[in-house]
Amino acid sequence: MSDLASRECIPCRGGVPKLEGADLARLYDELGGTQSGWAVVDDHHLEREFRFPDFKTALEFTNQLGALAEEQAHHPDIHLAWGSVTVQIWTHKIDGLVEADFIYAAKASQLPR
């Protein structure tokens, strides 16, 4: 993974163009591509499922994701289930992906599990 995780999420004020084509592919490659566990879905959002041995561990990870979201002022959609947490990230103001989404994904990938 590149230095994405060392960058800070910059809040989107709207009016910013969505990532497309080569720019989207470059940031996905920087994230680690398919080996990162993240997928780009319909060129709209990033998605990853994190697996855990039980509900308690999944819940603890969800709380870490929430703390990261508050710290970065960038808030993903999180689905908690027994043994798994599914994270979807996109910038709601533009209904698409920007660099901050990839930064959050990189930071989330580094959280202890």
Protein backbone atom coordinates (compact mmCIF):
# COMPACT_ATOMS: atom_id res chain seq x y z
CA MET A 1 0.00 0.00 0.00
CA SER A 2 1.26 3.48 -0.77
CA ASP A 3 1.21 6.42 1.55
CA LEU A 4 -2.59 6.77 1.31
CA ALA A 5 -2.97 5.85 4.97
CA SER A 6 -0.62 8.66 6.01
CA ARG A 7 -2.73 11.33 4.30
CA GLU A 8 -5.65 13.18 5.86
CA CYS A 9 -9.17 13.09 4.46
CA ILE A 10 -10.13 16.49 3.12
CA PRO A 11 -13.87 17.11 3.42
CA CYS A 12 -15.65 17.49 0.10
CA ARG A 13 -17.58 20.72 -0.25
CA GLY A 14 -19.51 19.56 -3.29
CA GLY A 15 -18.92 20.61 -6.86
CA VAL A 16 -15.82 18.41 -7.04
CA PRO A 17 -15.80 16.00 -9.99
CA LYS A 18 -16.12 12.28 -9.27
CA LEU A 19 -13.08 10.15 -9.93
CA GLU A 20 -13.28 8.35 -13.26
CA GLY A 21 -11.12 6.37 -15.63
CA ALA A 22 -7.36 6.58 -15.14
CA ASP A 23 -7.62 8.67 -11.95
CA LEU A 24 -9.94 6.11 -10.34
CA ALA A 25 -7.71 3.22 -11.46
CA ARG A 26 -4.56 4.95 -10.16
CA LEU A 27 -5.99 5.43 -6.66
CA TYR A 28 -7.37 1.88 -6.59
CA ASP A 29 -3.91 0.59 -7.52
CA GLU A 30 -2.40 2.80 -4.80
CA LEU A 31 -4.83 1.22 -2.32
CA GLY A 32 -3.54 -2.20 -3.36
CA GLY A 33 -6.08 -3.16 -6.03
CA THR A 34 -7.89 -6.46 -5.58
CA GLN A 35 -5.23 -7.65 -3.12
CA SER A 36 -6.35 -4.92 -0.71
CA GLY A 37 -9.68 -6.67 -0.21
CA TRP A 38 -11.49 -3.54 -1.39
CA ALA A 39 -13.63 -3.52 -4.52
CA VAL A 40 -14.75 -0.57 -6.62
CA VAL A 41 -18.46 -1.17 -7.18
CA ASP A 42 -20.05 0.37 -10.29
CA ASP A 43 -17.41 3.15 -10.26
CA HIS A 44 -19.55 4.54 -7.40
CA HIS A 45 -18.21 3.26 -4.08
CA LEU A 46 -15.58 1.16 -2.37
CA GLU A 47 -16.69 -1.95 -0.50
CA ARG A 48 -14.96 -4.48 1.71
CA GLU A 49 -16.08 -7.21 4.07
CA PHE A 50 -13.94 -7.78 7.15
CA ARG A 51 -14.35 -11.22 8.80
CA PHE A 52 -14.15 -11.95 12.55
CA PRO A 53 -14.46 -15.00 14.80
CA ASP A 54 -17.48 -13.64 16.68
CA PHE A 55 -19.92 -10.76 17.11
CA LYS A 56 -17.99 -9.05 19.91
CA THR A 57 -14.82 -8.69 17.84
CA ALA A 58 -16.82 -7.41 14.86
CA LEU A 59 -18.52 -4.85 17.11
CA GLU A 60 -15.17 -3.68 18.51
CA PHE A 61 -13.89 -3.19 14.96
CA THR A 62 -17.07 -1.28 14.06
CA ASN A 63 -16.39 1.07 16.96
CA GLN A 64 -12.84 1.62 15.68
CA LEU A 65 -14.26 2.45 12.23
CA GLY A 66 -16.60 4.95 13.88
CA ALA A 67 -13.77 6.61 15.79
CA LEU A 68 -11.74 6.82 12.58
CA ALA A 69 -14.72 8.33 10.77
CA GLU A 70 -15.07 11.05 13.39
CA GLU A 71 -11.32 11.72 13.41
CA GLN A 72 -11.23 12.04 9.61
CA ALA A 73 -14.67 13.70 9.25
CA HIS A 74 -15.42 11.09 6.60
CA HIS A 75 -18.26 8.70 7.32
CA PRO A 76 -18.75 5.31 5.63
CA ASP A 77 -21.82 3.11 5.62
CA ILE A 78 -21.16 0.21 7.99
CA HIS A 79 -23.11 -3.05 8.23
CA LEU A 80 -22.42 -5.14 11.33
CA ALA A 81 -23.37 -8.82 11.43
CA TRP A 82 -22.23 -11.85 13.40
CA GLY A 83 -18.61 -12.39 12.37
CA SER A 84 -18.46 -9.69 9.72
CA VAL A 85 -18.41 -5.97 9.08
CA THR A 86 -19.11 -4.66 5.58
CA VAL A 87 -17.91 -1.14 4.82
CA GLN A 88 -19.07 0.98 1.89
CA ILE A 89 -17.39 4.30 1.24
CA TRP A 90 -18.28 7.10 -1.15
CA THR A 91 -18.68 10.84 -0.95
CA HIS A 92 -22.36 11.51 -0.51
CA LYS A 93 -22.18 15.18 -1.58
CA ILE A 94 -21.19 14.18 -5.11
CA ASP A 95 -22.59 10.62 -5.09
CA GLY A 96 -19.27 9.16 -6.15
CA LEU A 97 -15.64 8.60 -5.25
CA VAL A 98 -12.95 11.15 -4.40
CA GLU A 99 -9.42 10.72 -3.03
CA ALA A 100 -10.65 10.97 0.59
CA ASP A 101 -12.61 7.74 0.12
CA PHE A 102 -9.41 5.88 -0.74
CA ILE A 103 -7.59 7.49 2.17
CA TYR A 104 -10.29 6.33 4.59
CA ALA A 105 -10.17 2.82 3.09
CA ALA A 106 -6.40 2.67 3.55
CA LYS A 107 -6.67 3.83 7.16
CA ALA A 108 -9.49 1.36 7.87
CA SER A 109 -7.38 -1.47 6.47
CA GLN A 110 -4.66 -0.68 9.01
CA LEU A 111 -6.94 -0.81 12.07
CA PRO A 112 -6.12 -3.66 14.45
CA ARG A 113 -8.37 -6.69 14.13
